[in-house]
Amino acid sequence: MARNYKKEYSSYHSKKKQRVNRSKRNKARRTLGLKKGDGMHADHKKPLSKGGGNGKSNIRKVKAKTNLSRNRK
């Protein structure tokens, strides 16, 4: 079954909370000077979902492969 991106966006990604979260993630990337396609991620030591912020003491550059392979709980 094909993925319905239009429905997914309208029911999830366009919600105010998700737009705010996306903005926070983008701000973290800008703070670290990361660019699209550079193979790096902005990793939050204390995740945004658990009350972490975008302060320099809470974010770090990590390789995308490393960040995606971490087992988070």
Protein backbone atom coordinates (compact mmCIF):
# COMPACT_ATOMS: atom_id res chain seq x y z
CA MET A 1 0.00 0.00 0.00
CA ALA A 2 1.36 3.40 -0.99
CA ARG A 3 2.02 6.00 1.66
CA ASN A 4 -0.42 8.93 1.57
CA TYR A 5 1.86 11.88 2.33
CA LYS A 6 -0.86 14.49 1.89
CA LYS A 7 -3.05 12.83 4.52
CA GLU A 8 -0.06 12.28 6.82
CA TYR A 9 0.87 15.95 6.63
CA SER A 10 -2.65 17.20 7.22
CA SER A 11 -3.28 14.86 10.15
CA TYR A 12 0.12 15.09 11.88
CA HIS A 13 2.87 17.33 10.51
CA SER A 14 0.71 20.41 10.12
CA LYS A 15 -0.37 20.40 13.76
CA LYS A 16 0.88 23.35 15.82
CA LYS A 17 2.88 21.17 18.23
CA GLN A 18 4.69 19.42 15.37
CA ARG A 19 5.49 22.71 13.62
CA VAL A 20 6.98 24.04 16.87
CA ASN A 21 9.05 20.85 17.32
CA ARG A 22 10.29 21.03 13.71
CA SER A 23 11.28 24.65 14.27
CA LYS A 24 13.26 23.68 17.38
CA ARG A 25 15.10 20.92 15.51
CA ASN A 26 15.96 23.31 12.67
CA LYS A 27 17.21 25.89 15.16
CA ALA A 28 19.53 23.30 16.72
CA ARG A 29 20.99 22.53 13.27
CA ARG A 30 21.57 26.24 12.62
CA THR A 31 23.19 26.69 16.05
CA LEU A 32 25.71 23.95 15.24
CA GLY A 33 26.25 25.19 11.67
CA LEU A 34 25.01 21.96 10.08
CA LYS A 35 23.87 21.83 6.47
CA LYS A 36 21.64 19.44 4.53
CA GLY A 37 23.48 16.44 3.20
CA ASP A 38 26.54 16.83 5.42
CA GLY A 39 25.95 13.47 7.11
CA MET A 40 25.70 15.00 10.58
CA HIS A 41 22.81 15.34 13.02
CA ALA A 42 22.16 17.67 15.93
CA ASP A 43 21.80 15.35 18.91
CA HIS A 44 20.08 16.64 22.02
CA LYS A 45 21.66 15.20 25.18
CA LYS A 46 18.31 15.69 26.92
CA PRO A 47 15.67 15.23 24.19
CA LEU A 48 13.24 18.01 23.36
CA SER A 49 10.42 15.58 24.13
CA LYS A 50 11.69 15.28 27.70
CA GLY A 51 12.06 19.00 28.31
CA GLY A 52 15.52 19.58 26.86
CA GLY A 53 16.34 22.81 25.09
CA ASN A 54 18.55 24.10 22.29
CA GLY A 55 21.27 25.56 24.49
CA LYS A 56 24.84 24.86 23.42
CA SER A 57 25.32 22.67 26.50
CA ASN A 58 22.47 20.36 25.40
CA ILE A 59 23.27 19.82 21.70
CA ARG A 60 26.17 18.15 19.96
CA LYS A 61 27.18 17.10 16.44
CA VAL A 62 27.08 13.38 15.76
CA LYS A 63 27.25 11.34 12.60
CA ALA A 64 23.79 10.55 11.25
CA LYS A 65 24.49 6.81 11.24
CA THR A 66 25.46 6.92 14.92
CA ASN A 67 22.45 8.98 15.92
CA LEU A 68 19.98 6.77 14.06
CA SER A 69 21.46 3.53 15.41
CA ARG A 70 21.23 4.52 19.09
CA ASN A 71 18.71 2.59 21.12
CA ARG A 72 16.64 5.24 22.88
CA LYS A 73 14.16 4.55 25.63
